[in-house]
Amino acid sequence: MIIVSNRIPVAKGHEEEFAQRFRDRAQLVERHPGFVRLEICRPEPVALHGREMGGSEYHVVLTYWERKEDFLAWVQSEDFRTAHAQRTPEGMFAGESVFELHDIIQTAEARR
C-alpha cells in the first residue's frame, strides 16, 4: 500500500474557505480502482514539553492507494482533471505545496 501526501501552505484567514472547498469536492476519486481512503488534515497546535508545537501552516491531504500504479492512473484520468479544475482563489496559499509518496512498510493498530 502507498500513501500520497500533499502538504499545502494555507494562508492565514483562508483556513475555513480551504476546508469548505474539500467539503464541496466532486468526490470522484472514491470510484477509482485501487483507491483506499482520503483524509484532509488541519494543523492543530498543542502544548507539549512546556511550549506550543504542531501548529504549522500546512494542511495535509492524504490519499491511500493499493499500488503506485493505481495512483498514477488516477492522476492521468479525466476525473482527476475535473476534480482539480476549480481555480484556487487568489491569496489562499502561502507558498508551494509539498508532494510526497511513501510506501507503507508497517502499520500498527491499538491493542485492546
N, C-alpha and C. Protein backbone atom coordinates (compact mmCIF):
# COMPACT_ATOMS: atom_id res chain seq x y z
N MET A 1 0.86 -1.17 0.00
CA MET A 1 0.00 0.00 0.00
C MET A 1 0.91 1.23 0.00
N ILE A 2 0.42 2.30 -0.64
CA ILE A 2 1.16 3.55 -0.63
C ILE A 2 0.28 4.66 -0.05
N ILE A 3 0.94 5.69 0.41
CA ILE A 3 0.24 6.89 0.87
C ILE A 3 0.84 8.08 0.13
N VAL A 4 -0.03 8.93 -0.38
CA VAL A 4 0.38 10.14 -1.06
C VAL A 4 -0.02 11.31 -0.18
N SER A 5 0.95 12.18 0.10
CA SER A 5 0.63 13.36 0.90
C SER A 5 0.92 14.61 0.10
N ASN A 6 0.05 15.58 0.27
CA ASN A 6 0.23 16.89 -0.33
C ASN A 6 0.11 17.89 0.80
N ARG A 7 1.23 18.46 1.22
CA ARG A 7 1.23 19.45 2.30
C ARG A 7 1.03 20.82 1.66
N ILE A 8 -0.07 21.46 2.04
CA ILE A 8 -0.50 22.70 1.39
C ILE A 8 -0.42 23.85 2.38
N PRO A 9 0.40 24.88 2.09
CA PRO A 9 0.50 26.03 3.00
C PRO A 9 -0.68 26.99 2.79
N VAL A 10 -1.65 26.90 3.66
CA VAL A 10 -2.85 27.73 3.56
C VAL A 10 -2.57 29.06 4.26
N ALA A 11 -2.85 30.16 3.56
CA ALA A 11 -2.60 31.50 4.09
C ALA A 11 -3.56 31.79 5.26
N LYS A 12 -3.06 32.54 6.22
CA LYS A 12 -3.88 32.95 7.38
C LYS A 12 -5.17 33.60 6.88
N GLY A 13 -6.27 33.22 7.51
CA GLY A 13 -7.56 33.77 7.15
C GLY A 13 -8.30 32.99 6.07
N HIS A 14 -7.64 32.03 5.45
CA HIS A 14 -8.25 31.23 4.38
C HIS A 14 -8.53 29.79 4.81
N GLU A 15 -8.33 29.49 6.08
CA GLU A 15 -8.45 28.12 6.55
C GLU A 15 -9.85 27.53 6.34
N GLU A 16 -10.87 28.28 6.70
CA GLU A 16 -12.24 27.77 6.56
C GLU A 16 -12.64 27.64 5.09
N GLU A 17 -12.24 28.60 4.29
CA GLU A 17 -12.53 28.54 2.85
C GLU A 17 -11.86 27.30 2.23
N PHE A 18 -10.64 27.01 2.65
CA PHE A 18 -9.93 25.83 2.18
C PHE A 18 -10.69 24.56 2.58
N ALA A 19 -11.11 24.48 3.83
CA ALA A 19 -11.86 23.31 4.31
C ALA A 19 -13.17 23.14 3.54
N GLN A 20 -13.84 24.24 3.27
CA GLN A 20 -15.11 24.20 2.54
C GLN A 20 -14.93 23.66 1.12
N ARG A 21 -13.82 24.02 0.50
CA ARG A 21 -13.55 23.51 -0.85
C ARG A 21 -13.51 21.98 -0.85
N PHE A 22 -12.97 21.38 0.20
CA PHE A 22 -12.93 19.92 0.27
C PHE A 22 -14.29 19.34 0.64
N ARG A 23 -15.05 20.03 1.46
CA ARG A 23 -16.40 19.56 1.76
C ARG A 23 -17.26 19.55 0.50
N ASP A 24 -16.99 20.49 -0.42
CA ASP A 24 -17.77 20.63 -1.65
C ASP A 24 -17.17 19.89 -2.84
N ARG A 25 -16.13 19.10 -2.62
CA ARG A 25 -15.42 18.47 -3.73
C ARG A 25 -16.32 17.51 -4.50
N ALA A 26 -15.89 17.16 -5.69
CA ALA A 26 -16.70 16.35 -6.61
C ALA A 26 -16.80 14.88 -6.19
N GLN A 27 -15.96 14.41 -5.31
CA GLN A 27 -15.97 13.01 -4.82
C GLN A 27 -15.77 12.01 -5.95
N LEU A 28 -14.84 12.31 -6.84
CA LEU A 28 -14.57 11.43 -7.97
C LEU A 28 -13.53 10.36 -7.67
N VAL A 29 -12.61 10.65 -6.78
CA VAL A 29 -11.52 9.71 -6.50
C VAL A 29 -12.03 8.40 -5.91
N GLU A 30 -13.12 8.45 -5.18
CA GLU A 30 -13.64 7.28 -4.47
C GLU A 30 -13.96 6.10 -5.39
N ARG A 31 -14.23 6.37 -6.63
CA ARG A 31 -14.63 5.29 -7.54
C ARG A 31 -13.46 4.72 -8.35
N HIS A 32 -12.26 5.21 -8.11
CA HIS A 32 -11.11 4.75 -8.90
C HIS A 32 -10.51 3.47 -8.34
N PRO A 33 -10.16 2.54 -9.25
CA PRO A 33 -9.56 1.27 -8.81
C PRO A 33 -8.31 1.52 -7.97
N GLY A 34 -8.21 0.80 -6.87
CA GLY A 34 -7.05 0.89 -6.01
C GLY A 34 -7.11 1.98 -4.96
N PHE A 35 -8.09 2.88 -5.05
CA PHE A 35 -8.23 3.92 -4.03
C PHE A 35 -8.71 3.27 -2.73
N VAL A 36 -8.10 3.69 -1.61
CA VAL A 36 -8.46 3.13 -0.30
C VAL A 36 -9.13 4.17 0.58
N ARG A 37 -8.50 5.34 0.73
CA ARG A 37 -9.01 6.31 1.71
C ARG A 37 -8.45 7.69 1.41
N LEU A 38 -9.21 8.71 1.80
CA LEU A 38 -8.81 10.12 1.71
C LEU A 38 -8.94 10.74 3.09
N GLU A 39 -7.94 11.50 3.49
CA GLU A 39 -8.00 12.25 4.75
C GLU A 39 -7.53 13.67 4.49
N ILE A 40 -8.26 14.63 5.04
CA ILE A 40 -7.87 16.04 4.98
C ILE A 40 -7.54 16.44 6.41
N CYS A 41 -6.32 16.91 6.63
CA CYS A 41 -5.84 17.18 7.99
C CYS A 41 -5.56 18.67 8.18
N ARG A 42 -6.13 19.23 9.23
CA ARG A 42 -5.91 20.63 9.60
C ARG A 42 -4.86 20.67 10.71
N PRO A 43 -3.88 21.58 10.61
CA PRO A 43 -2.87 21.65 11.67
C PRO A 43 -3.49 22.09 12.99
N GLU A 44 -3.04 21.49 14.05
CA GLU A 44 -3.59 21.78 15.38
C GLU A 44 -2.43 21.92 16.37
N PRO A 45 -2.25 23.10 16.92
CA PRO A 45 -1.18 23.27 17.91
C PRO A 45 -1.53 22.59 19.23
N VAL A 46 -0.49 22.20 19.97
CA VAL A 46 -0.69 21.57 21.25
C VAL A 46 0.46 22.00 22.18
N ALA A 47 0.15 22.20 23.46
CA ALA A 47 1.19 22.48 24.45
C ALA A 47 1.87 21.17 24.79
N LEU A 48 3.18 21.11 24.58
CA LEU A 48 3.92 19.89 24.79
C LEU A 48 5.33 20.24 25.26
N HIS A 49 5.72 19.67 26.39
CA HIS A 49 7.06 19.92 26.94
C HIS A 49 7.29 21.42 27.20
N GLY A 50 6.25 22.08 27.66
CA GLY A 50 6.39 23.48 28.06
C GLY A 50 6.35 24.49 26.92
N ARG A 51 6.03 24.05 25.71
CA ARG A 51 5.92 25.01 24.60
C ARG A 51 4.87 24.54 23.61
N GLU A 52 4.43 25.46 22.76
CA GLU A 52 3.44 25.12 21.75
C GLU A 52 4.14 24.49 20.55
N MET A 53 3.59 23.36 20.12
CA MET A 53 4.17 22.63 18.99
C MET A 53 3.05 22.19 18.06
N GLY A 54 3.42 21.82 16.84
CA GLY A 54 2.50 21.17 15.92
C GLY A 54 1.61 22.07 15.10
N GLY A 55 1.60 23.34 15.34
CA GLY A 55 0.70 24.23 14.60
C GLY A 55 1.37 24.84 13.38
N SER A 56 1.62 24.02 12.36
CA SER A 56 2.27 24.55 11.16
C SER A 56 1.24 25.24 10.27
N GLU A 57 1.71 25.86 9.20
CA GLU A 57 0.79 26.49 8.25
C GLU A 57 0.30 25.49 7.21
N TYR A 58 0.79 24.25 7.28
CA TYR A 58 0.43 23.24 6.28
C TYR A 58 -0.81 22.46 6.67
N HIS A 59 -1.77 22.42 5.76
CA HIS A 59 -2.84 21.43 5.82
C HIS A 59 -2.31 20.25 5.01
N VAL A 60 -2.74 19.04 5.36
CA VAL A 60 -2.21 17.87 4.68
C VAL A 60 -3.38 17.06 4.08
N VAL A 61 -3.24 16.77 2.80
CA VAL A 61 -4.20 15.91 2.10
C VAL A 61 -3.51 14.57 1.92
N LEU A 62 -4.12 13.52 2.45
CA LEU A 62 -3.56 12.17 2.37
C LEU A 62 -4.49 11.29 1.56
N THR A 63 -3.94 10.57 0.60
CA THR A 63 -4.71 9.54 -0.08
C THR A 63 -3.93 8.24 0.03
N TYR A 64 -4.66 7.17 0.26
CA TYR A 64 -4.10 5.83 0.40
C TYR A 64 -4.50 5.02 -0.83
N TRP A 65 -3.55 4.28 -1.37
CA TRP A 65 -3.76 3.51 -2.59
C TRP A 65 -3.20 2.10 -2.42
N GLU A 66 -3.83 1.14 -3.08
CA GLU A 66 -3.33 -0.23 -3.05
C GLU A 66 -1.95 -0.34 -3.70
N ARG A 67 -1.77 0.37 -4.83
CA ARG A 67 -0.50 0.31 -5.56
C ARG A 67 -0.16 1.69 -6.15
N LYS A 68 1.10 1.93 -6.38
CA LYS A 68 1.53 3.18 -7.01
C LYS A 68 0.89 3.34 -8.39
N GLU A 69 0.75 2.25 -9.11
CA GLU A 69 0.15 2.29 -10.45
C GLU A 69 -1.30 2.78 -10.40
N ASP A 70 -2.02 2.45 -9.34
CA ASP A 70 -3.40 2.92 -9.18
C ASP A 70 -3.42 4.44 -9.03
N PHE A 71 -2.52 4.96 -8.22
CA PHE A 71 -2.43 6.42 -8.05
C PHE A 71 -2.07 7.09 -9.37
N LEU A 72 -1.09 6.54 -10.08
CA LEU A 72 -0.68 7.14 -11.35
C LEU A 72 -1.81 7.13 -12.37
N ALA A 73 -2.61 6.07 -12.38
CA ALA A 73 -3.77 6.01 -13.28
C ALA A 73 -4.78 7.10 -12.92
N TRP A 74 -5.00 7.34 -11.62
CA TRP A 74 -5.89 8.41 -11.18
C TRP A 74 -5.40 9.77 -11.66
N VAL A 75 -4.12 10.04 -11.50
CA VAL A 75 -3.56 11.33 -11.88
C VAL A 75 -3.67 11.58 -13.39
N GLN A 76 -3.69 10.52 -14.17
CA GLN A 76 -3.77 10.65 -15.62
C GLN A 76 -5.21 10.60 -16.13
N SER A 77 -6.18 10.50 -15.23
CA SER A 77 -7.58 10.33 -15.64
C SER A 77 -8.30 11.66 -15.87
N GLU A 78 -9.38 11.56 -16.63
CA GLU A 78 -10.25 12.72 -16.85
C GLU A 78 -10.89 13.16 -15.53
N ASP A 79 -11.23 12.21 -14.67
CA ASP A 79 -11.80 12.54 -13.36
C ASP A 79 -10.83 13.39 -12.54
N PHE A 80 -9.55 13.09 -12.60
CA PHE A 80 -8.55 13.90 -11.88
C PHE A 80 -8.57 15.34 -12.40
N ARG A 81 -8.58 15.48 -13.73
CA ARG A 81 -8.60 16.84 -14.31
C ARG A 81 -9.87 17.59 -13.89
N THR A 82 -10.99 16.89 -13.87
CA THR A 82 -12.25 17.51 -13.44
C THR A 82 -12.17 17.91 -11.97
N ALA A 83 -11.65 17.02 -11.13
CA ALA A 83 -11.59 17.27 -9.68
C ALA A 83 -10.68 18.46 -9.36
N HIS A 84 -9.69 18.73 -10.20
CA HIS A 84 -8.73 19.80 -9.94
C HIS A 84 -8.93 21.01 -10.86
N ALA A 85 -10.07 21.09 -11.52
CA ALA A 85 -10.32 22.17 -12.48
C ALA A 85 -10.71 23.49 -11.83
N GLN A 86 -11.25 23.44 -10.62
CA GLN A 86 -11.69 24.66 -9.94
C GLN A 86 -10.49 25.53 -9.60
N ARG A 87 -10.51 26.74 -10.08
CA ARG A 87 -9.40 27.67 -9.85
C ARG A 87 -9.33 28.06 -8.37
N THR A 88 -8.12 28.08 -7.85
CA THR A 88 -7.90 28.44 -6.45
C THR A 88 -8.04 29.95 -6.28
N PRO A 89 -8.80 30.41 -5.28
CA PRO A 89 -8.94 31.84 -5.04
C PRO A 89 -7.58 32.51 -4.78
N GLU A 90 -7.43 33.71 -5.28
CA GLU A 90 -6.21 34.50 -5.09
C GLU A 90 -5.87 34.62 -3.61
N GLY A 91 -4.63 34.34 -3.27
CA GLY A 91 -4.15 34.53 -1.91
C GLY A 91 -4.43 33.40 -0.94
N MET A 92 -5.07 32.30 -1.40
CA MET A 92 -5.39 31.20 -0.49
C MET A 92 -4.15 30.47 0.00
N PHE A 93 -3.15 30.38 -0.86
CA PHE A 93 -1.95 29.63 -0.50
C PHE A 93 -0.80 30.57 -0.17
N ALA A 94 -0.01 30.16 0.82
CA ALA A 94 1.11 30.97 1.31
C ALA A 94 2.44 30.48 0.75
N GLY A 95 2.41 29.67 -0.28
CA GLY A 95 3.62 29.14 -0.87
C GLY A 95 3.32 27.90 -1.67
N GLU A 96 4.38 27.19 -2.04
CA GLU A 96 4.26 25.98 -2.84
C GLU A 96 3.86 24.78 -1.97
N SER A 97 3.06 23.91 -2.54
CA SER A 97 2.72 22.65 -1.88
C SER A 97 3.90 21.69 -1.94
N VAL A 98 3.90 20.75 -1.02
CA VAL A 98 4.95 19.73 -0.98
C VAL A 98 4.29 18.37 -1.20
N PHE A 99 4.66 17.72 -2.31
CA PHE A 99 4.13 16.41 -2.66
C PHE A 99 5.09 15.33 -2.17
N GLU A 100 4.52 14.26 -1.59
CA GLU A 100 5.33 13.12 -1.16
C GLU A 100 4.54 11.83 -1.42
N LEU A 101 5.25 10.79 -1.79
CA LEU A 101 4.66 9.48 -1.98
C LEU A 101 5.50 8.50 -1.17
N HIS A 102 4.84 7.71 -0.34
CA HIS A 102 5.55 6.77 0.52
C HIS A 102 4.95 5.38 0.40
N ASP A 103 5.82 4.39 0.43
CA ASP A 103 5.40 3.00 0.53
C ASP A 103 5.22 2.70 2.03
N ILE A 104 4.07 2.19 2.40
CA ILE A 104 3.81 1.88 3.81
C ILE A 104 4.51 0.56 4.13
N ILE A 105 5.45 0.61 5.04
CA ILE A 105 6.21 -0.60 5.37
C ILE A 105 5.74 -1.26 6.67
N GLN A 106 4.98 -0.52 7.47
CA GLN A 106 4.43 -1.11 8.69
C GLN A 106 3.21 -0.32 9.12
N THR A 107 2.24 -1.03 9.63
CA THR A 107 1.03 -0.43 10.21
C THR A 107 0.81 -1.10 11.56
N ALA A 108 0.46 -0.32 12.56
CA ALA A 108 0.14 -0.86 13.88
C ALA A 108 -1.26 -0.42 14.27
N GLU A 109 -1.96 -1.26 14.96
CA GLU A 109 -3.30 -0.98 15.45
C GLU A 109 -3.29 -1.03 16.97
N ALA A 110 -4.26 -0.38 17.59
CA ALA A 110 -4.37 -0.40 19.05
C ALA A 110 -4.61 -1.82 19.55
N ARG A 111 -3.98 -2.15 20.66
CA ARG A 111 -4.24 -3.46 21.29
C ARG A 111 -5.30 -3.25 22.36
N ARG A 112 -6.31 -4.03 22.30
CA ARG A 112 -7.43 -3.89 23.25
C ARG A 112 -7.54 -5.13 24.10
